[in-house]
Amino acid sequence: MLKLSLEALQIMDAIDRRGSFAKAGQELHKVPSTISYVVNKLEDDLRVELFLRNGTRVELTPAGRELLKEGRTLLRAAEELEYRVKRVQSGWETELTLCLDSMFAATALAPEMTEFYAAAPQTRLRLLNETLSGPWEALLDRRCDLLIGVAGDGPAGGGYAARPIGELDFVFAVSPRHPLAAVEGPLTSQHLQAHRAVAVADSARRGAPRTVGLLLGQDTLTVPTMQLKYEMQRAAFGFGYLPGPTARAAIARGELVEKQVEEPRPPETFWAAWRTGEEGAGLAWWRQRALAEGLFERLCPTLPGL
């Protein structure tokens, strides 16, 4: 049978802070006899002396101090749990996970995060970065609650709602030192097949990985993030499409060269998405911000290279 109780730990904490059973009773609105009974029973049950009595003054023994040290951790956890349960009752989730495409930095959400923590201090936020099919899989696998700025068509089968929040163009670019930089005219599939592409890996854990702009049998250098793809193309390890703002900034600095291709990649729509049937207060709060005008424009300046 469990001999410790939260009440006993609260009483020990009050005695230690106030210095006497009487003052602890005043703080906790309990008569001194109740305080003494709880402490004596706890000492008898544990067969350990917890307090040294010196008249009306008491102090913890080494064993009592060790017990209270860990006990205060339990008291804080219990208080937090009680507060979080009350927040759940009011409609706020205990934890919320946001997922962005890996080409975007979550630092762009700093204003919203500051506002959210003020509105819901007991809701824990988690941030994820996923790529290509990865965000959609994370949403349906319940590893995240809201997608912000993710590309591609959502998976078949439903179970989620999605709204467009912006569009981003992509530029085919190579290093000035890459052999394709010297080719005149639009690049054909034969030109591309002879060289290595740089591609960001799909972070999906299940199903066939999605690829963008690769030819069948293409020699490919696969990297985990758009940041590293950008750096590998600048270093002339391969070619590929980069987000327009990133590519144009690097081209202006002379670090990349834009090339025309016979089959250019069209602009891509980016989405906010969430599972249907879930209406927590935190999710509703973030969904409203994700769909707000101007958010996607703030995400884009955090692209690699800018």
Protein backbone atom coordinates (compact mmCIF):
# COMPACT_ATOMS: atom_id res chain seq x y z
CA MET A 1 0.00 0.00 0.00
CA LEU A 2 1.32 3.45 -0.93
CA LYS A 3 2.42 5.21 2.24
CA LEU A 4 3.06 8.64 0.70
CA SER A 5 0.29 11.03 -0.20
CA LEU A 6 0.22 14.46 -1.79
CA GLU A 7 -1.31 15.78 1.43
CA ALA A 8 1.63 14.50 3.47
CA LEU A 9 4.11 16.05 1.05
CA GLN A 10 2.25 19.37 1.17
CA ILE A 11 2.41 19.31 4.96
CA MET A 12 6.13 18.52 4.97
CA ASP A 13 6.75 21.34 2.51
CA ALA A 14 4.82 23.84 4.63
CA ILE A 15 6.59 22.77 7.85
CA ASP A 16 10.00 23.16 6.22
CA ARG A 17 9.20 26.60 4.85
CA ARG A 18 7.39 27.94 7.94
CA GLY A 19 9.56 26.28 10.60
CA SER A 20 6.85 24.84 12.85
CA PHE A 21 3.80 22.63 12.88
CA ALA A 22 1.63 25.52 14.06
CA LYS A 23 2.61 27.88 11.27
CA ALA A 24 2.25 25.11 8.71
CA GLY A 25 -1.27 24.50 10.02
CA GLN A 26 -2.09 28.18 9.64
CA GLU A 27 -0.94 28.19 6.03
CA LEU A 28 -2.83 25.01 5.17
CA HIS A 29 -5.89 25.85 7.31
CA LYS A 30 -5.43 22.73 9.44
CA VAL A 31 -5.26 22.43 13.21
CA PRO A 32 -1.82 21.55 14.65
CA SER A 33 -3.05 18.17 15.84
CA THR A 34 -3.86 17.19 12.24
CA ILE A 35 -0.39 18.26 11.13
CA SER A 36 1.24 16.23 13.90
CA TYR A 37 -0.91 13.18 13.16
CA VAL A 38 -0.02 13.14 9.45
CA VAL A 39 3.71 13.55 10.13
CA ASN A 40 3.78 10.94 12.90
CA LYS A 41 1.85 8.43 10.78
CA LEU A 42 4.16 8.99 7.81
CA GLU A 43 7.24 8.46 10.02
CA ASP A 44 5.70 5.28 11.48
CA ASP A 45 4.74 3.94 8.05
CA LEU A 46 8.16 4.62 6.55
CA ARG A 47 10.00 3.75 9.78
CA VAL A 48 12.13 6.82 9.25
CA GLU A 49 12.48 9.96 11.36
CA LEU A 50 11.69 12.93 9.10
CA PHE A 51 11.87 15.88 11.54
CA LEU A 52 14.03 16.81 14.52
CA ARG A 53 11.87 18.46 17.18
CA ASN A 54 13.33 21.25 19.27
CA GLY A 55 10.45 22.67 21.25
CA THR A 56 8.18 24.46 18.82
CA ARG A 57 10.93 24.57 16.17
CA VAL A 58 11.41 21.63 13.82
CA GLU A 59 13.85 20.88 11.07
CA LEU A 60 14.23 18.12 8.53
CA THR A 61 16.53 15.17 9.11
CA PRO A 62 18.79 14.15 6.17
CA ALA A 63 16.24 11.47 5.27
CA GLY A 64 13.41 13.98 5.49
CA ARG A 65 15.25 16.46 3.32
CA GLU A 66 15.84 13.82 0.64
CA LEU A 67 12.19 12.82 0.74
CA LEU A 68 11.02 16.41 0.46
CA LYS A 69 13.46 17.16 -2.37
CA GLU A 70 11.85 14.49 -4.54
CA GLY A 71 8.43 15.19 -3.05
CA ARG A 72 8.48 18.78 -4.24
CA THR A 73 9.05 17.50 -7.76
CA LEU A 74 5.92 15.37 -7.38
CA LEU A 75 3.97 18.33 -5.99
CA ARG A 76 4.93 20.50 -8.95
CA ALA A 77 3.99 17.72 -11.37
CA ALA A 78 0.64 17.25 -9.63
CA GLU A 79 -0.08 21.00 -9.75
CA GLU A 80 0.80 21.11 -13.44
CA LEU A 81 -1.35 18.07 -14.17
CA GLU A 82 -4.30 19.61 -12.32
CA TYR A 83 -3.90 22.85 -14.26
CA ARG A 84 -3.59 21.05 -17.58
CA VAL A 85 -6.69 18.95 -16.88
CA LYS A 86 -8.62 22.13 -16.17
CA ARG A 87 -7.33 23.58 -19.45
CA VAL A 88 -8.49 20.49 -21.30
CA GLN A 89 -11.91 20.93 -19.73
CA SER A 90 -11.93 24.46 -21.13
CA GLY A 91 -11.08 23.16 -24.62
CA TRP A 92 -7.31 23.78 -24.79
CA GLU A 93 -5.10 20.83 -25.73
CA THR A 94 -2.28 19.75 -23.45
CA GLU A 95 0.09 19.49 -26.44
CA LEU A 96 -0.05 20.65 -30.04
CA THR A 97 2.36 19.73 -32.84
CA LEU A 98 2.91 21.97 -35.86
CA CYS A 99 4.65 20.70 -39.00
CA LEU A 100 6.29 22.81 -41.71
CA ASP A 101 7.93 21.79 -44.95
CA SER A 102 11.65 21.42 -44.30
CA MET A 103 12.47 24.32 -46.62
CA PHE A 104 10.84 26.75 -44.17
CA ALA A 105 12.21 27.81 -40.78
CA ALA A 106 9.83 27.82 -37.83
CA THR A 107 11.43 31.07 -36.63
CA ALA A 108 9.04 32.82 -39.02
CA LEU A 109 6.26 31.82 -36.61
CA ALA A 110 7.88 33.63 -33.66
CA PRO A 111 5.20 36.37 -33.42
CA GLU A 112 2.41 33.78 -33.39
CA MET A 113 4.27 31.61 -30.88
CA THR A 114 4.70 34.55 -28.50
CA GLU A 115 1.00 35.36 -28.74
CA PHE A 116 -0.01 31.72 -28.33
CA TYR A 117 2.09 31.15 -25.21
CA ALA A 118 0.42 34.18 -23.65
CA ALA A 119 -3.03 32.82 -24.49
CA ALA A 120 -2.36 29.17 -23.61
CA PRO A 121 0.68 28.89 -21.31
CA GLN A 122 -0.05 25.27 -20.38
CA THR A 123 -0.34 23.98 -23.96
CA ARG A 124 2.99 22.54 -25.02
CA LEU A 125 4.11 23.21 -28.57
CA ARG A 126 6.14 20.81 -30.69
CA LEU A 127 7.59 21.75 -34.07
CA LEU A 128 8.37 19.32 -36.88
CA ASN A 129 10.03 19.65 -40.28
CA GLU A 130 9.10 17.07 -42.90
CA THR A 131 9.62 16.88 -46.68
CA LEU A 132 7.44 16.05 -49.72
CA SER A 133 5.00 13.31 -48.63
CA GLY A 134 6.33 13.33 -45.07
CA PRO A 135 4.09 16.11 -43.71
CA TRP A 136 0.90 14.51 -45.01
CA GLU A 137 1.89 11.15 -43.56
CA ALA A 138 2.71 12.77 -40.20
CA LEU A 139 -0.74 14.38 -40.14
CA LEU A 140 -2.64 11.18 -40.87
CA ASP A 141 -0.41 9.17 -38.50
CA ARG A 142 -1.25 11.69 -35.76
CA ARG A 143 2.37 12.73 -35.31
CA CYS A 144 1.31 16.31 -35.90
CA ASP A 145 -1.92 18.30 -35.63
CA LEU A 146 -1.52 21.06 -38.20
CA LEU A 147 0.48 21.43 -41.41
CA ILE A 148 1.68 24.91 -42.29
CA GLY A 149 3.27 25.55 -45.69
CA VAL A 150 3.39 22.06 -47.17
CA ALA A 151 3.46 21.21 -50.86
CA GLY A 152 1.91 18.54 -53.03
CA ASP A 153 -1.51 17.00 -53.25
CA GLY A 154 -2.75 15.40 -50.07
CA PRO A 155 -3.12 11.61 -49.96
CA ALA A 156 -6.26 9.88 -51.18
CA GLY A 157 -8.80 8.69 -48.66
CA GLY A 158 -9.69 11.95 -46.97
CA GLY A 159 -9.74 12.46 -43.23
CA TYR A 160 -8.31 15.96 -43.49
CA ALA A 161 -9.12 19.45 -44.71
CA ALA A 162 -6.65 21.64 -46.62
CA ARG A 163 -6.59 25.29 -47.68
CA PRO A 164 -4.04 26.98 -49.97
CA ILE A 165 -1.95 29.66 -48.29
CA GLY A 166 0.49 30.64 -51.05
CA GLU A 167 2.38 29.79 -54.21
CA LEU A 168 6.11 29.50 -54.80
CA ASP A 169 8.01 29.35 -58.08
CA PHE A 170 11.13 27.26 -58.66
CA VAL A 171 14.21 28.10 -60.71
CA PHE A 172 16.52 25.59 -62.40
CA ALA A 173 20.02 26.56 -61.33
CA VAL A 174 23.60 25.33 -61.46
CA SER A 175 26.95 26.58 -60.28
CA PRO A 176 28.87 28.70 -62.82
CA ARG A 177 31.50 25.93 -62.58
CA HIS A 178 29.08 23.19 -63.58
CA PRO A 179 29.34 21.88 -67.20
CA LEU A 180 25.66 22.67 -67.83
CA ALA A 181 26.33 26.35 -67.21
CA ALA A 182 28.13 26.56 -70.58
CA VAL A 183 25.38 24.86 -72.61
CA GLU A 184 23.55 27.27 -74.92
CA GLY A 185 19.78 27.18 -75.25
CA PRO A 186 17.25 25.23 -73.20
CA LEU A 187 18.53 22.06 -71.57
CA THR A 188 17.06 18.82 -72.92
CA SER A 189 16.53 15.54 -71.10
CA GLN A 190 19.70 14.28 -72.86
CA HIS A 191 21.70 17.13 -71.30
CA LEU A 192 20.30 16.38 -67.87
CA GLN A 193 20.69 12.62 -68.08
CA ALA A 194 24.44 13.02 -68.50
CA HIS A 195 24.84 14.79 -65.16
CA ARG A 196 23.97 14.36 -61.51
CA ALA A 197 20.84 15.81 -59.94
CA VAL A 198 20.61 16.99 -56.32
CA ALA A 199 17.35 16.03 -54.61
CA VAL A 200 15.85 16.37 -51.14
CA ALA A 201 14.81 13.03 -49.66
CA ASP A 202 11.16 12.37 -48.98
CA SER A 203 10.76 12.04 -45.20
CA ALA A 204 7.73 9.72 -45.42
CA ARG A 205 8.21 6.53 -43.45
CA ARG A 206 5.69 4.46 -45.37
CA GLY A 207 4.83 4.09 -49.04
CA ALA A 208 6.77 5.00 -52.16
CA PRO A 209 8.87 8.15 -51.78
CA ARG A 210 7.87 11.11 -53.89
CA THR A 211 10.41 12.69 -56.25
CA VAL A 212 10.29 15.98 -58.16
CA GLY A 213 12.06 16.72 -61.44
CA LEU A 214 14.12 13.52 -61.69
CA LEU A 215 14.51 11.48 -64.84
CA LEU A 216 14.23 7.69 -64.85
CA GLY A 217 17.59 6.24 -63.85
CA GLN A 218 19.00 9.70 -63.06
CA ASP A 219 22.25 9.80 -61.11
CA THR A 220 21.17 11.56 -57.92
CA LEU A 221 22.80 13.02 -54.85
CA THR A 222 20.12 12.79 -52.16
CA VAL A 223 20.29 15.18 -49.20
CA PRO A 224 18.04 15.61 -46.14
CA THR A 225 17.14 19.32 -46.42
CA MET A 226 16.63 22.10 -48.94
CA GLN A 227 19.43 24.01 -47.22
CA LEU A 228 21.92 21.25 -48.04
CA LYS A 229 20.55 20.91 -51.60
CA TYR A 230 21.19 24.63 -52.10
CA GLU A 231 24.75 24.28 -50.76
CA MET A 232 25.51 21.22 -52.90
CA GLN A 233 24.34 22.99 -56.05
CA ARG A 234 26.44 26.04 -55.21
CA ALA A 235 29.40 23.67 -54.81
CA ALA A 236 28.77 22.25 -58.33
CA PHE A 237 27.93 18.73 -57.13
CA GLY A 238 24.80 18.67 -59.26
CA PHE A 239 21.80 20.50 -60.68
CA GLY A 240 18.18 20.98 -59.74
CA TYR A 241 15.34 23.31 -58.97
CA LEU A 242 15.54 25.70 -56.04
CA PRO A 243 12.86 27.96 -54.55
CA GLY A 244 12.70 31.13 -56.63
CA PRO A 245 13.65 33.59 -53.85
CA THR A 246 16.67 31.46 -52.90
CA ALA A 247 17.85 30.95 -56.49
CA ARG A 248 17.45 34.58 -57.55
CA ALA A 249 19.38 35.85 -54.53
CA ALA A 250 22.25 33.45 -55.28
CA ILE A 251 22.17 34.32 -58.99
CA ALA A 252 22.42 38.01 -58.13
CA ARG A 253 25.53 37.23 -56.06
CA GLY A 254 27.08 35.25 -58.93
CA GLU A 255 26.92 31.96 -57.00
CA LEU A 256 24.42 30.25 -59.34
CA VAL A 257 23.35 30.48 -62.98
CA GLU A 258 19.75 30.10 -64.09
CA LYS A 259 19.20 27.72 -66.98
CA GLN A 260 16.14 27.21 -69.14
CA VAL A 261 14.88 23.67 -69.58
CA GLU A 262 12.54 22.14 -72.13
CA GLU A 263 10.11 21.05 -69.42
CA PRO A 264 10.13 23.75 -66.72
CA ARG A 265 8.67 23.07 -63.30
CA PRO A 266 5.45 25.01 -62.70
CA PRO A 267 4.89 27.04 -59.50
CA GLU A 268 3.72 24.95 -56.57
CA THR A 269 0.85 25.63 -54.22
CA PHE A 270 1.51 25.36 -50.49
CA TRP A 271 -1.16 24.38 -48.01
CA ALA A 272 -2.33 24.43 -44.43
CA ALA A 273 -4.04 21.18 -43.46
CA TRP A 274 -5.56 19.50 -40.41
CA ARG A 275 -7.52 16.36 -39.56
CA THR A 276 -11.28 16.75 -39.75
CA GLY A 277 -13.39 16.28 -36.64
CA GLU A 278 -10.85 17.78 -34.24
CA GLU A 279 -11.82 21.15 -32.81
CA GLY A 280 -9.53 21.92 -29.88
CA ALA A 281 -9.06 25.56 -28.95
CA GLY A 282 -5.34 25.47 -29.71
CA LEU A 283 -5.84 23.93 -33.13
CA ALA A 284 -8.53 26.50 -33.96
CA TRP A 285 -6.19 29.28 -32.83
CA TRP A 286 -3.29 28.11 -35.01
CA ARG A 287 -5.52 27.29 -37.96
CA GLN A 288 -6.74 30.88 -38.01
CA ARG A 289 -3.15 32.16 -37.98
CA ALA A 290 -2.01 29.71 -40.65
CA LEU A 291 -4.68 30.99 -43.01
CA ALA A 292 -4.04 34.64 -42.24
CA GLU A 293 -2.98 36.89 -45.09
CA GLY A 294 0.77 37.53 -45.15
CA LEU A 295 1.93 34.45 -43.22
CA PHE A 296 3.25 32.62 -46.28
CA GLU A 297 5.14 35.72 -47.38
CA ARG A 298 6.85 35.72 -43.98
CA LEU A 299 7.80 32.06 -44.38
CA CYS A 300 9.50 32.62 -47.73
CA PRO A 301 12.28 34.97 -46.52
CA THR A 302 13.47 32.16 -44.24
CA LEU A 303 14.33 29.97 -47.23
CA PRO A 304 17.96 28.78 -47.44
CA GLY A 305 20.43 31.36 -48.65
CA LEU A 306 18.36 34.40 -47.68
